[in-house]
Amino acid sequence: MKHSEKPFQKVLRMEELLRLGPKYTVDELSQKMGLDTRSVFRYMERIASTGRNIKAEIRNGRTKEYWIPQETQDIPSELIANLLRMDQSMTQAGVRKYHKVLMQAAQQLDPRNTKPSAAKLDPEPFFHIDHGPFAEYSEAESLTSQGMDKILQAMQNNNPLRLQYQRTEQGQRKLQTIHFEPYFLSLRVGKLYLVGIQPEVSKRQLVSLVYKRIKMLTIEKGKTFERDSRVSLNDFYKYCFGQWVPRGDSKKVEITLKIDESWLMDLFQESHFNPPAELNVTPKGGTAKLSLFDTPDLETWLFSLLPSAEVIQPKSLRERLRKRAESAAKQLL
């Protein structure tokens, strides 16, 4: 039984069982989901309300069993051809890191490769996500599932939210009332954010709120906002290294790294900095040029790469790392 699951997560899992698995009785669903039979019926009603066609028939003349029939969908041949052309173009340009995923997508979409048993595969027992021991996001986050449902509903209907948000000022935690236009939920480096626009601050600039610091929220019913189609998370996180999205006086720096280990260069070749790193690969390493905001997590990360990578530019960042290394050495004496 998954005690930390929220109701909307259970609904999604039940829908997946009914869609991908065999036919189930209510008792079987109850056992599979860890729910009482009343909750099973309630969740099935909720699934049906979304338009899903739940079928039912009598098993052995006594017990009803339920399932969602598999829906066949024609995949446009142009889509498959475009994926293959994209892979070919990127490969010719020397970009190989997306080859595998593009080929897998094309093969799975091709109806000639469909296997009857594929729909029966349940990946859940084999799939695990771990954000690490210091990640703020976990399945036990403080906001209730009802709050999550409200956020998703507000996003879908372009309704503004009224939030009670916990900020820290001079070491003191304070609750602040915020009017917020929600655009995205973003899971970044183990932390879940609600990203959107705070009209009191700016009509155009995105801000991010830490999900677990939202203590109360209500949908401002009867009100809507006009979603700006130009808003992009990719632009919002441009030049960001980790969790910090700089505000105020944070500056972008052009960093040149000399990399002395081939394994580290392999990591850089698989990286997805925004904008992408400029790499010069040699048999023993090479160089990497990065454009990033100068934030505390960036400096900590660069320090952790020593001595396998050396900061060549900027000189000011190199000097900060040198002083940090001296301070660390004194503590270890």
Protein backbone atom coordinates (compact mmCIF):
# COMPACT_ATOMS: atom_id res chain seq x y z
CA MET A 1 0.00 0.00 0.00
CA LYS A 2 1.44 3.39 -1.02
CA HIS A 3 0.65 5.54 2.05
CA SER A 4 2.35 8.64 0.63
CA GLU A 5 0.34 8.63 -2.60
CA LYS A 6 -2.08 11.48 -3.04
CA PRO A 7 -5.63 10.94 -4.40
CA PHE A 8 -4.85 12.26 -7.87
CA GLN A 9 -1.83 9.91 -8.04
CA LYS A 10 -4.04 6.96 -7.07
CA VAL A 11 -6.55 7.90 -9.75
CA LEU A 12 -3.81 7.90 -12.36
CA ARG A 13 -2.45 4.55 -11.13
CA MET A 14 -5.90 2.94 -11.13
CA GLU A 15 -6.55 4.24 -14.64
CA GLU A 16 -3.26 2.71 -15.77
CA LEU A 17 -4.18 -0.64 -14.19
CA LEU A 18 -7.56 -0.68 -15.91
CA ARG A 19 -6.04 0.37 -19.22
CA LEU A 20 -2.92 -1.80 -19.35
CA GLY A 21 -3.63 -4.73 -17.09
CA PRO A 22 -6.11 -7.61 -17.18
CA LYS A 23 -9.74 -7.22 -16.19
CA TYR A 24 -10.20 -6.59 -12.46
CA THR A 25 -12.97 -7.12 -9.94
CA VAL A 26 -13.55 -4.48 -7.26
CA ASP A 27 -11.94 -6.75 -4.65
CA GLU A 28 -8.90 -7.25 -6.88
CA LEU A 29 -8.56 -3.51 -7.42
CA SER A 30 -8.97 -2.96 -3.69
CA GLN A 31 -6.11 -5.35 -2.97
CA LYS A 32 -3.94 -4.03 -5.79
CA MET A 33 -4.41 -0.38 -4.83
CA GLY A 34 -4.53 -0.77 -1.04
CA LEU A 35 -7.99 0.85 -0.87
CA ASP A 36 -11.36 -0.07 0.55
CA THR A 37 -14.06 -1.01 -1.97
CA ARG A 38 -15.92 2.26 -1.47
CA SER A 39 -12.83 4.22 -2.49
CA VAL A 40 -12.38 1.98 -5.54
CA PHE A 41 -15.88 2.89 -6.79
CA ARG A 42 -15.26 6.58 -6.04
CA TYR A 43 -12.02 6.60 -8.03
CA MET A 44 -13.62 4.73 -10.92
CA GLU A 45 -16.36 7.37 -11.03
CA ARG A 46 -13.68 10.05 -11.14
CA ILE A 47 -11.89 8.28 -14.02
CA ALA A 48 -15.17 7.93 -15.91
CA SER A 49 -15.86 11.65 -15.43
CA THR A 50 -12.76 12.44 -17.51
CA GLY A 51 -14.26 10.63 -20.50
CA ARG A 52 -12.60 7.25 -20.06
CA ASN A 53 -14.81 4.36 -21.16
CA ILE A 54 -14.77 1.85 -18.29
CA LYS A 55 -16.28 -1.45 -19.39
CA ALA A 56 -17.87 -3.99 -17.05
CA GLU A 57 -19.00 -7.59 -17.48
CA ILE A 58 -20.03 -10.46 -15.24
CA ARG A 59 -17.38 -13.06 -14.42
CA ASN A 60 -18.57 -16.61 -13.71
CA GLY A 61 -22.17 -15.42 -13.49
CA ARG A 62 -21.59 -13.58 -10.22
CA THR A 63 -18.82 -10.98 -10.01
CA LYS A 64 -18.35 -7.90 -12.16
CA GLU A 65 -14.95 -7.18 -13.62
CA TYR A 66 -13.82 -3.84 -15.02
CA TRP A 67 -11.34 -2.61 -17.62
CA ILE A 68 -10.65 0.25 -20.05
CA PRO A 69 -10.46 -1.00 -23.66
CA GLN A 70 -7.26 -0.28 -25.55
CA GLU A 71 -7.75 2.60 -27.95
CA THR A 72 -6.04 2.27 -31.30
CA GLN A 73 -4.69 5.43 -32.82
CA ASP A 74 -3.34 5.99 -36.30
CA ILE A 75 0.16 7.45 -36.12
CA PRO A 76 0.88 9.76 -39.07
CA SER A 77 3.64 8.27 -41.20
CA GLU A 78 5.01 11.82 -41.63
CA LEU A 79 5.76 11.97 -37.89
CA ILE A 80 7.87 8.81 -38.02
CA ALA A 81 9.65 10.03 -41.16
CA ASN A 82 10.39 13.40 -39.51
CA LEU A 83 11.91 11.68 -36.48
CA LEU A 84 14.18 9.63 -38.71
CA ARG A 85 15.19 12.71 -40.74
CA MET A 86 15.91 14.61 -37.53
CA ASP A 87 18.14 11.78 -36.31
CA GLN A 88 19.97 11.68 -39.65
CA SER A 89 20.55 15.45 -39.70
CA MET A 90 21.80 15.57 -36.11
CA THR A 91 24.08 12.57 -36.66
CA GLN A 92 25.59 14.19 -39.75
CA ALA A 93 26.17 17.35 -37.69
CA GLY A 94 28.07 15.31 -35.11
CA VAL A 95 25.34 15.34 -32.44
CA ARG A 96 24.89 11.73 -31.34
CA LYS A 97 23.45 12.02 -27.86
CA TYR A 98 19.80 12.01 -29.08
CA HIS A 99 20.25 9.16 -31.57
CA LYS A 100 19.07 6.40 -29.25
CA VAL A 101 15.95 8.17 -27.98
CA LEU A 102 14.90 9.29 -31.48
CA MET A 103 15.27 5.77 -32.87
CA GLN A 104 13.33 4.30 -29.95
CA ALA A 105 10.52 6.83 -30.47
CA ALA A 106 10.32 6.07 -34.19
CA GLN A 107 10.27 2.31 -33.59
CA GLN A 108 7.60 2.50 -30.89
CA LEU A 109 5.35 4.73 -33.00
CA ASP A 110 5.65 2.48 -36.05
CA PRO A 111 2.55 0.22 -36.01
CA ARG A 112 4.53 -2.55 -37.71
CA ASN A 113 6.59 -2.91 -34.54
CA THR A 114 3.60 -3.15 -32.16
CA LYS A 115 3.54 -6.31 -30.07
CA PRO A 116 0.34 -7.44 -28.32
CA SER A 117 2.22 -8.09 -25.10
CA ALA A 118 3.68 -4.57 -24.97
CA ALA A 119 0.48 -3.06 -23.52
CA LYS A 120 0.63 -5.50 -20.61
CA LEU A 121 4.02 -4.29 -19.36
CA ASP A 122 3.81 -2.42 -16.06
CA PRO A 123 7.05 -0.40 -15.60
CA GLU A 124 6.25 0.67 -12.03
CA PRO A 125 8.04 -2.21 -10.20
CA PHE A 126 11.23 -1.53 -12.20
CA PHE A 127 11.30 2.28 -12.22
CA HIS A 128 12.78 4.27 -9.36
CA ILE A 129 13.48 8.00 -8.99
CA ASP A 130 15.77 9.19 -6.20
CA HIS A 131 16.60 12.90 -5.91
CA GLY A 132 19.20 12.33 -3.20
CA PRO A 133 19.25 12.82 0.60
CA PHE A 134 19.24 16.63 0.50
CA ALA A 135 16.49 17.13 -2.05
CA GLU A 136 13.62 19.20 -0.70
CA TYR A 137 11.03 17.43 -2.85
CA SER A 138 9.72 14.04 -1.80
CA GLU A 139 6.43 12.17 -1.83
CA ALA A 140 5.84 13.52 1.69
CA GLU A 141 5.73 17.18 0.64
CA SER A 142 3.70 19.42 2.92
CA LEU A 143 1.12 20.64 0.39
CA THR A 144 -1.90 18.36 0.21
CA SER A 145 -3.02 16.60 -2.95
CA GLN A 146 -6.13 18.75 -2.87
CA GLY A 147 -3.82 21.73 -3.22
CA MET A 148 -2.08 20.09 -6.16
CA ASP A 149 -5.44 19.50 -7.84
CA LYS A 150 -6.29 23.18 -7.35
CA ILE A 151 -3.03 24.26 -8.96
CA LEU A 152 -3.58 22.01 -11.98
CA GLN A 153 -7.18 23.19 -12.29
CA ALA A 154 -6.09 26.83 -12.10
CA MET A 155 -3.45 26.27 -14.79
CA GLN A 156 -5.95 24.61 -17.09
CA ASN A 157 -8.56 27.33 -16.67
CA ASN A 158 -6.18 30.32 -16.37
CA ASN A 159 -7.47 31.15 -12.88
CA PRO A 160 -5.26 33.23 -10.55
CA LEU A 161 -4.38 31.86 -7.12
CA ARG A 162 -4.29 33.46 -3.68
CA LEU A 163 -1.40 31.89 -1.71
CA GLN A 164 -0.07 31.93 1.82
CA TYR A 165 3.67 31.62 1.15
CA GLN A 166 6.44 31.21 3.70
CA ARG A 167 9.48 33.42 3.15
CA THR A 168 12.64 33.74 5.24
CA GLU A 169 13.80 37.27 6.04
CA GLN A 170 16.79 37.87 8.33
CA GLY A 171 16.51 34.36 9.69
CA GLN A 172 12.80 34.72 10.50
CA ARG A 173 10.07 32.79 8.71
CA LYS A 174 7.09 34.89 7.73
CA LEU A 175 3.86 34.12 5.91
CA GLN A 176 3.06 36.40 3.00
CA THR A 177 -0.18 36.64 1.01
CA ILE A 178 0.54 36.47 -2.72
CA HIS A 179 -1.69 36.79 -5.77
CA PHE A 180 -0.22 34.48 -8.38
CA GLU A 181 -0.86 33.51 -12.01
CA PRO A 182 0.33 29.87 -12.30
CA TYR A 183 2.06 28.77 -15.52
CA PHE A 184 4.17 25.68 -14.75
CA LEU A 185 5.12 23.12 -12.13
CA SER A 186 8.86 22.57 -12.46
CA LEU A 187 10.92 19.83 -10.81
CA ARG A 188 14.51 21.09 -10.88
CA VAL A 189 17.48 19.57 -9.06
CA GLY A 190 15.29 17.76 -6.56
CA LYS A 191 13.09 20.74 -5.73
CA LEU A 192 9.54 21.30 -6.93
CA TYR A 193 8.59 24.85 -7.95
CA LEU A 194 5.42 26.64 -8.90
CA VAL A 195 6.42 29.02 -11.68
CA GLY A 196 4.29 31.90 -12.85
CA ILE A 197 3.71 35.62 -12.69
CA GLN A 198 3.19 37.71 -9.57
CA PRO A 199 1.29 40.75 -10.92
CA GLU A 200 2.31 42.97 -7.99
CA VAL A 201 5.97 42.43 -8.95
CA SER A 202 5.87 42.29 -12.74
CA LYS A 203 3.31 41.66 -15.49
CA ARG A 204 5.84 39.87 -17.70
CA GLN A 205 8.64 38.39 -15.58
CA LEU A 206 8.34 34.82 -14.30
CA VAL A 207 9.03 34.06 -10.64
CA SER A 208 9.38 30.67 -8.95
CA LEU A 209 7.92 29.65 -5.59
CA VAL A 210 9.14 26.62 -3.67
CA TYR A 211 6.21 24.21 -3.66
CA LYS A 212 6.63 23.01 -0.08
CA ARG A 213 6.58 26.59 1.26
CA ILE A 214 3.04 27.13 0.00
CA LYS A 215 0.98 26.70 3.17
CA MET A 216 -2.49 27.54 1.87
CA LEU A 217 -4.03 28.34 -1.49
CA THR A 218 -7.39 29.20 -2.98
CA ILE A 219 -8.53 29.66 -6.56
CA GLU A 220 -9.78 33.18 -7.21
CA LYS A 221 -13.02 32.01 -8.81
CA GLY A 222 -14.70 34.24 -11.31
CA LYS A 223 -11.31 35.69 -12.27
CA THR A 224 -9.09 34.71 -15.17
CA PHE A 225 -5.77 35.93 -16.53
CA GLU A 226 -4.50 36.09 -20.08
CA ARG A 227 -1.66 33.64 -20.48
CA ASP A 228 1.36 35.12 -22.24
CA SER A 229 2.29 32.68 -25.02
CA ARG A 230 5.80 34.16 -25.18
CA VAL A 231 6.66 32.94 -21.68
CA SER A 232 9.15 30.08 -21.77
CA LEU A 233 10.73 27.96 -19.03
CA ASN A 234 13.73 27.48 -21.30
CA ASP A 235 14.28 31.25 -21.28
CA PHE A 236 13.55 31.44 -17.55
CA TYR A 237 16.32 28.93 -16.71
CA LYS A 238 18.80 30.21 -19.31
CA TYR A 239 22.29 30.68 -17.80
CA CYS A 240 21.16 28.94 -14.57
CA PHE A 241 23.37 26.18 -13.21
CA GLY A 242 21.21 24.63 -10.50
CA GLN A 243 18.33 25.64 -8.26
CA TRP A 244 19.10 29.36 -8.10
CA VAL A 245 17.26 31.59 -10.53
CA PRO A 246 19.14 34.85 -9.94
CA ARG A 247 17.44 38.12 -9.20
CA GLY A 248 18.90 41.55 -8.69
CA ASP A 249 22.67 41.87 -9.02
CA SER A 250 23.64 38.32 -10.07
CA LYS A 251 25.90 38.51 -13.11
CA LYS A 252 26.48 36.17 -16.01
CA VAL A 253 30.08 34.97 -16.36
CA GLU A 254 31.95 33.39 -19.24
CA ILE A 255 33.86 30.42 -17.82
CA THR A 256 36.70 28.52 -19.47
CA LEU A 257 37.65 25.18 -17.94
CA LYS A 258 40.73 23.09 -18.71
CA ILE A 259 39.67 19.46 -18.28
CA ASP A 260 42.43 16.94 -17.53
CA GLU A 261 40.40 13.73 -17.27
CA SER A 262 38.64 11.94 -20.15
CA TRP A 263 35.84 10.68 -17.86
CA LEU A 264 34.98 14.27 -16.94
CA MET A 265 34.92 15.32 -20.57
CA ASP A 266 32.54 12.41 -21.22
CA LEU A 267 30.19 13.94 -18.62
CA PHE A 268 30.37 17.33 -20.31
CA GLN A 269 29.57 15.76 -23.67
CA GLU A 270 26.39 14.31 -22.13
CA SER A 271 25.48 17.55 -20.34
CA HIS A 272 22.59 19.88 -21.19
CA PHE A 273 23.66 23.33 -20.07
CA ASN A 274 21.48 26.20 -21.26
CA PRO A 275 23.05 27.52 -23.46
CA PRO A 276 25.05 24.39 -24.42
CA ALA A 277 28.70 24.12 -23.42
CA GLU A 278 31.29 24.78 -26.12
CA LEU A 279 33.66 21.79 -26.01
CA ASN A 280 37.07 21.16 -27.48
CA VAL A 281 37.74 17.45 -26.98
CA THR A 282 41.24 15.94 -26.84
CA PRO A 283 42.31 12.35 -26.03
CA LYS A 284 43.00 13.28 -22.40
CA GLY A 285 40.27 15.85 -21.81
CA GLY A 286 40.09 19.26 -23.46
CA THR A 287 38.41 22.57 -22.70
CA ALA A 288 34.84 23.66 -21.96
CA LYS A 289 33.35 27.14 -22.24
CA LEU A 290 30.21 27.89 -20.22
CA SER A 291 27.92 30.92 -19.94
CA LEU A 292 26.29 30.83 -16.49
CA PHE A 293 25.10 33.06 -13.70
CA ASP A 294 27.64 33.40 -10.89
CA THR A 295 25.72 31.76 -8.05
CA PRO A 296 26.87 29.98 -4.85
CA ASP A 297 26.00 26.51 -6.16
CA LEU A 298 28.10 27.11 -9.28
CA GLU A 299 31.20 27.93 -7.24
CA THR A 300 30.65 24.86 -5.03
CA TRP A 301 30.33 22.64 -8.10
CA LEU A 302 33.50 24.02 -9.72
CA PHE A 303 35.39 23.49 -6.46
CA SER A 304 34.25 19.85 -6.43
CA LEU A 305 35.81 19.31 -9.88
CA LEU A 306 39.32 20.10 -8.62
CA PRO A 307 41.91 18.86 -9.53
CA SER A 308 40.33 17.20 -12.59
CA ALA A 309 39.28 20.58 -14.00
CA GLU A 310 40.98 23.96 -13.72
CA VAL A 311 39.24 27.33 -14.07
CA ILE A 312 41.21 29.41 -16.59
CA GLN A 313 38.74 32.28 -16.91
CA PRO A 314 37.54 34.46 -15.29
CA LYS A 315 40.53 35.27 -13.08
CA SER A 316 38.27 36.52 -10.27
CA LEU A 317 36.50 33.15 -10.02
CA ARG A 318 39.84 31.34 -10.16
CA GLU A 319 41.07 33.47 -7.23
CA ARG A 320 37.94 32.70 -5.16
CA LEU A 321 38.47 28.99 -5.70
CA ARG A 322 42.13 29.32 -4.70
CA LYS A 323 41.19 31.00 -1.42
CA ARG A 324 38.53 28.39 -0.80
CA ALA A 325 41.08 25.60 -1.33
CA GLU A 326 43.50 27.27 1.10
CA SER A 327 40.77 27.55 3.72
CA ALA A 328 39.81 23.90 3.23
CA ALA A 329 43.45 22.81 3.51
CA LYS A 330 43.83 24.61 6.86
CA GLN A 331 40.80 22.82 8.25
CA LEU A 332 42.29 19.47 7.27
CA LEU A 333 45.68 20.11 8.96
